[in-house]
Amino acid sequence: MPEKMHEIQETIRIQLNYPPEKVNQPVLYRLIRDFGLKLNILKANVEPRTGSFVFLELSGESGAIERALRFLDAEAIGVSAIGLDGVTEWGIQDG
């Protein structure tokens, strides 16, 4: 029986910017359950009235990460790349 080909594993660091109406939704849970990703929350600020941000590290198969990023876009969650120490590597966009 042929061995199943595995996708390349990768890790990215991103900032998620939540609008106020998304703060109470289980977005991070969905990244784990629906896309099989591992995540590490590096920093977060949750403000139900004004919106929130989360700095996190996502690890998983590259195709799953791409699908998860499309999911976040469809949910109106802003996504920006960040560096290892939370400093902009590629230019953080306002969410």
N, C-alpha and C. Protein backbone atom coordinates (compact mmCIF):
# COMPACT_ATOMS: atom_id res chain seq x y z
N MET A 1 0.85 -1.18 0.00
CA MET A 1 0.00 0.00 0.00
C MET A 1 0.90 1.25 0.00
N PRO A 2 0.67 2.20 -0.92
CA PRO A 2 1.52 3.39 -0.95
C PRO A 2 1.34 4.24 0.30
N GLU A 3 2.45 4.83 0.69
CA GLU A 3 2.42 5.71 1.87
C GLU A 3 1.75 7.03 1.51
N LYS A 4 0.94 7.54 2.43
CA LYS A 4 0.24 8.81 2.21
C LYS A 4 1.26 9.95 2.21
N MET A 5 1.16 10.81 1.21
CA MET A 5 2.04 11.98 1.13
C MET A 5 1.59 13.01 2.17
N HIS A 6 2.53 13.53 2.91
CA HIS A 6 2.22 14.55 3.92
C HIS A 6 2.63 15.91 3.39
N GLU A 7 1.80 16.88 3.68
CA GLU A 7 2.11 18.26 3.30
C GLU A 7 3.23 18.78 4.17
N ILE A 8 3.86 19.81 3.68
CA ILE A 8 4.92 20.47 4.42
C ILE A 8 4.34 21.16 5.65
N GLN A 9 4.98 20.96 6.79
CA GLN A 9 4.59 21.62 8.03
C GLN A 9 5.24 22.99 8.07
N GLU A 10 4.52 23.97 8.57
CA GLU A 10 5.10 25.29 8.72
C GLU A 10 4.54 25.98 9.95
N THR A 11 5.22 27.02 10.34
CA THR A 11 4.79 27.85 11.47
C THR A 11 4.83 29.29 11.03
N ILE A 12 3.75 30.02 11.31
CA ILE A 12 3.71 31.44 11.00
C ILE A 12 3.33 32.20 12.27
N ARG A 13 3.70 33.46 12.32
CA ARG A 13 3.33 34.34 13.43
C ARG A 13 2.47 35.46 12.87
N ILE A 14 1.29 35.61 13.46
CA ILE A 14 0.34 36.59 12.94
C ILE A 14 -0.32 37.36 14.07
N GLN A 15 -0.87 38.49 13.71
CA GLN A 15 -1.73 39.27 14.60
C GLN A 15 -3.13 39.20 14.04
N LEU A 16 -4.09 38.82 14.90
CA LEU A 16 -5.50 38.84 14.52
C LEU A 16 -6.13 40.07 15.13
N ASN A 17 -6.89 40.79 14.34
CA ASN A 17 -7.62 41.98 14.81
C ASN A 17 -9.11 41.69 14.70
N TYR A 18 -9.76 41.62 15.85
CA TYR A 18 -11.18 41.27 15.92
C TYR A 18 -12.04 42.53 15.99
N PRO A 19 -13.08 42.62 15.18
CA PRO A 19 -14.06 43.70 15.38
C PRO A 19 -14.91 43.33 16.61
N PRO A 20 -15.54 44.30 17.24
CA PRO A 20 -16.30 44.02 18.47
C PRO A 20 -17.33 42.89 18.34
N GLU A 21 -17.98 42.78 17.20
CA GLU A 21 -19.02 41.76 17.04
C GLU A 21 -18.48 40.34 16.96
N LYS A 22 -17.16 40.16 16.82
CA LYS A 22 -16.56 38.82 16.72
C LYS A 22 -15.87 38.38 18.01
N VAL A 23 -15.76 39.27 18.99
CA VAL A 23 -15.00 38.97 20.21
C VAL A 23 -15.53 37.74 20.95
N ASN A 24 -16.83 37.53 20.98
CA ASN A 24 -17.41 36.42 21.73
C ASN A 24 -17.56 35.13 20.92
N GLN A 25 -17.00 35.10 19.72
CA GLN A 25 -17.10 33.90 18.89
C GLN A 25 -15.85 33.03 19.05
N PRO A 26 -15.98 31.71 18.96
CA PRO A 26 -14.85 30.80 19.21
C PRO A 26 -13.92 30.63 18.00
N VAL A 27 -13.34 31.71 17.56
CA VAL A 27 -12.51 31.70 16.35
C VAL A 27 -11.26 30.83 16.53
N LEU A 28 -10.56 30.96 17.64
CA LEU A 28 -9.34 30.17 17.85
C LEU A 28 -9.67 28.68 17.95
N TYR A 29 -10.75 28.37 18.60
CA TYR A 29 -11.21 26.97 18.67
C TYR A 29 -11.43 26.41 17.28
N ARG A 30 -12.04 27.19 16.40
CA ARG A 30 -12.28 26.74 15.03
C ARG A 30 -10.98 26.48 14.27
N LEU A 31 -9.94 27.28 14.54
CA LEU A 31 -8.65 27.05 13.88
C LEU A 31 -8.08 25.69 14.26
N ILE A 32 -8.29 25.31 15.51
CA ILE A 32 -7.81 24.01 15.98
C ILE A 32 -8.69 22.88 15.44
N ARG A 33 -9.99 22.98 15.66
CA ARG A 33 -10.92 21.91 15.30
C ARG A 33 -11.07 21.72 13.79
N ASP A 34 -11.31 22.81 13.07
CA ASP A 34 -11.63 22.70 11.65
C ASP A 34 -10.41 22.55 10.75
N PHE A 35 -9.26 23.03 11.19
CA PHE A 35 -8.08 23.03 10.33
C PHE A 35 -6.91 22.23 10.89
N GLY A 36 -7.09 21.68 12.10
CA GLY A 36 -6.05 20.83 12.69
C GLY A 36 -4.77 21.58 13.03
N LEU A 37 -4.89 22.86 13.33
CA LEU A 37 -3.71 23.66 13.61
C LEU A 37 -3.36 23.64 15.10
N LYS A 38 -2.10 23.84 15.38
CA LYS A 38 -1.63 24.05 16.74
C LYS A 38 -1.41 25.55 16.88
N LEU A 39 -1.77 26.12 18.02
CA LEU A 39 -1.53 27.54 18.18
C LEU A 39 -0.94 27.85 19.54
N ASN A 40 -0.19 28.92 19.56
CA ASN A 40 0.44 29.41 20.77
C ASN A 40 0.12 30.90 20.86
N ILE A 41 -0.65 31.29 21.88
CA ILE A 41 -0.99 32.70 22.06
C ILE A 41 0.20 33.40 22.70
N LEU A 42 0.74 34.39 22.00
CA LEU A 42 1.90 35.12 22.48
C LEU A 42 1.51 36.36 23.28
N LYS A 43 0.41 36.99 22.89
CA LYS A 43 -0.07 38.19 23.56
C LYS A 43 -1.50 38.44 23.10
N ALA A 44 -2.32 38.98 23.98
CA ALA A 44 -3.71 39.26 23.59
C ALA A 44 -4.26 40.42 24.41
N ASN A 45 -5.21 41.11 23.83
CA ASN A 45 -5.96 42.16 24.51
C ASN A 45 -7.40 42.03 24.04
N VAL A 46 -8.30 41.76 24.98
CA VAL A 46 -9.70 41.55 24.63
C VAL A 46 -10.53 42.70 25.18
N GLU A 47 -11.17 43.43 24.28
CA GLU A 47 -12.04 44.56 24.62
C GLU A 47 -13.35 44.39 23.88
N PRO A 48 -14.37 43.82 24.55
CA PRO A 48 -15.64 43.54 23.86
C PRO A 48 -16.29 44.74 23.17
N ARG A 49 -16.09 45.95 23.70
CA ARG A 49 -16.75 47.12 23.09
C ARG A 49 -15.98 47.72 21.91
N THR A 50 -14.66 47.54 21.90
CA THR A 50 -13.87 48.20 20.86
C THR A 50 -13.16 47.23 19.91
N GLY A 51 -13.19 45.95 20.19
CA GLY A 51 -12.46 44.98 19.38
C GLY A 51 -11.24 44.49 20.13
N SER A 52 -10.55 43.55 19.56
CA SER A 52 -9.44 42.91 20.26
C SER A 52 -8.34 42.54 19.29
N PHE A 53 -7.18 42.20 19.86
CA PHE A 53 -6.11 41.65 19.06
C PHE A 53 -5.49 40.46 19.77
N VAL A 54 -4.95 39.55 18.97
CA VAL A 54 -4.24 38.38 19.49
C VAL A 54 -2.99 38.21 18.63
N PHE A 55 -1.83 38.12 19.27
CA PHE A 55 -0.61 37.72 18.58
C PHE A 55 -0.48 36.23 18.80
N LEU A 56 -0.33 35.47 17.71
CA LEU A 56 -0.19 34.03 17.90
C LEU A 56 0.70 33.40 16.86
N GLU A 57 1.13 32.20 17.21
CA GLU A 57 1.93 31.37 16.34
C GLU A 57 1.03 30.23 15.90
N LEU A 58 0.92 30.01 14.61
CA LEU A 58 0.12 28.91 14.06
C LEU A 58 1.05 27.90 13.43
N SER A 59 0.85 26.62 13.74
CA SER A 59 1.64 25.55 13.15
C SER A 59 0.72 24.50 12.58
N GLY A 60 1.12 23.97 11.43
CA GLY A 60 0.34 22.91 10.80
C GLY A 60 0.74 22.73 9.35
N GLU A 61 -0.04 21.94 8.65
CA GLU A 61 0.23 21.72 7.23
C GLU A 61 -0.02 23.02 6.47
N SER A 62 0.83 23.31 5.50
CA SER A 62 0.74 24.59 4.79
C SER A 62 -0.63 24.80 4.14
N GLY A 63 -1.23 23.76 3.59
CA GLY A 63 -2.56 23.90 3.00
C GLY A 63 -3.62 24.23 4.04
N ALA A 64 -3.51 23.64 5.23
CA ALA A 64 -4.46 23.92 6.31
C ALA A 64 -4.31 25.37 6.77
N ILE A 65 -3.08 25.86 6.83
CA ILE A 65 -2.87 27.26 7.23
C ILE A 65 -3.49 28.19 6.20
N GLU A 66 -3.30 27.89 4.92
CA GLU A 66 -3.90 28.72 3.87
C GLU A 66 -5.43 28.73 3.97
N ARG A 67 -6.03 27.57 4.21
CA ARG A 67 -7.49 27.50 4.35
C ARG A 67 -7.94 28.28 5.59
N ALA A 68 -7.18 28.18 6.67
CA ALA A 68 -7.53 28.91 7.90
C ALA A 68 -7.46 30.41 7.67
N LEU A 69 -6.47 30.88 6.93
CA LEU A 69 -6.37 32.31 6.65
C LEU A 69 -7.55 32.79 5.80
N ARG A 70 -8.00 31.96 4.87
CA ARG A 70 -9.20 32.31 4.09
C ARG A 70 -10.44 32.35 4.99
N PHE A 71 -10.53 31.41 5.93
CA PHE A 71 -11.63 31.40 6.90
C PHE A 71 -11.63 32.69 7.71
N LEU A 72 -10.46 33.10 8.21
CA LEU A 72 -10.38 34.34 9.00
C LEU A 72 -10.82 35.54 8.18
N ASP A 73 -10.42 35.59 6.93
CA ASP A 73 -10.83 36.69 6.05
C ASP A 73 -12.35 36.69 5.87
N ALA A 74 -12.93 35.51 5.67
CA ALA A 74 -14.38 35.41 5.50
C ALA A 74 -15.13 35.81 6.77
N GLU A 75 -14.50 35.65 7.93
CA GLU A 75 -15.10 36.02 9.21
C GLU A 75 -14.83 37.48 9.58
N ALA A 76 -14.19 38.23 8.68
CA ALA A 76 -13.85 39.65 8.91
C ALA A 76 -12.89 39.84 10.08
N ILE A 77 -11.99 38.86 10.26
CA ILE A 77 -10.91 38.97 11.25
C ILE A 77 -9.68 39.42 10.48
N GLY A 78 -9.13 40.58 10.85
CA GLY A 78 -7.93 41.08 10.18
C GLY A 78 -6.72 40.23 10.54
N VAL A 79 -5.85 39.98 9.56
CA VAL A 79 -4.66 39.16 9.77
C VAL A 79 -3.45 39.94 9.28
N SER A 80 -2.42 40.03 10.13
CA SER A 80 -1.17 40.70 9.77
C SER A 80 -0.01 39.84 10.22
N ALA A 81 1.06 39.80 9.44
CA ALA A 81 2.26 39.06 9.82
C ALA A 81 3.04 39.85 10.87
N ILE A 82 3.63 39.13 11.83
CA ILE A 82 4.47 39.76 12.85
C ILE A 82 5.79 39.02 12.98
N GLY A 83 6.74 39.66 13.61
CA GLY A 83 8.04 39.05 13.86
C GLY A 83 8.03 38.25 15.15
N LEU A 84 9.17 37.67 15.48
CA LEU A 84 9.30 36.83 16.67
C LEU A 84 8.99 37.57 17.95
N ASP A 85 9.34 38.85 18.02
CA ASP A 85 9.16 39.61 19.27
C ASP A 85 7.95 40.54 19.22
N GLY A 86 7.07 40.33 18.23
CA GLY A 86 5.87 41.17 18.11
C GLY A 86 6.13 42.42 17.28
N VAL A 87 7.34 42.60 16.81
CA VAL A 87 7.69 43.74 15.98
C VAL A 87 7.37 43.39 14.53
N THR A 88 6.94 44.35 13.79
CA THR A 88 6.57 44.14 12.39
C THR A 88 7.75 43.61 11.58
N GLU A 89 7.50 42.54 10.83
CA GLU A 89 8.49 42.06 9.87
C GLU A 89 8.13 42.55 8.46
N TRP A 90 6.85 42.44 8.12
CA TRP A 90 6.44 42.77 6.76
C TRP A 90 5.49 43.95 6.70
N GLY A 91 5.27 44.60 7.79
CA GLY A 91 4.36 45.74 7.83
C GLY A 91 2.96 45.34 8.29
N ILE A 92 2.67 45.53 9.53
CA ILE A 92 1.36 45.18 10.04
C ILE A 92 0.32 46.14 9.49
N GLN A 93 -0.76 45.58 9.00
CA GLN A 93 -1.85 46.39 8.46
C GLN A 93 -2.86 46.60 9.58
N ASP A 94 -3.49 47.74 9.59
CA ASP A 94 -4.56 47.97 10.55
C ASP A 94 -5.73 47.08 10.18
N GLY A 95 -6.27 46.40 11.22
CA GLY A 95 -7.35 45.44 11.01
C GLY A 95 -8.63 46.10 10.74
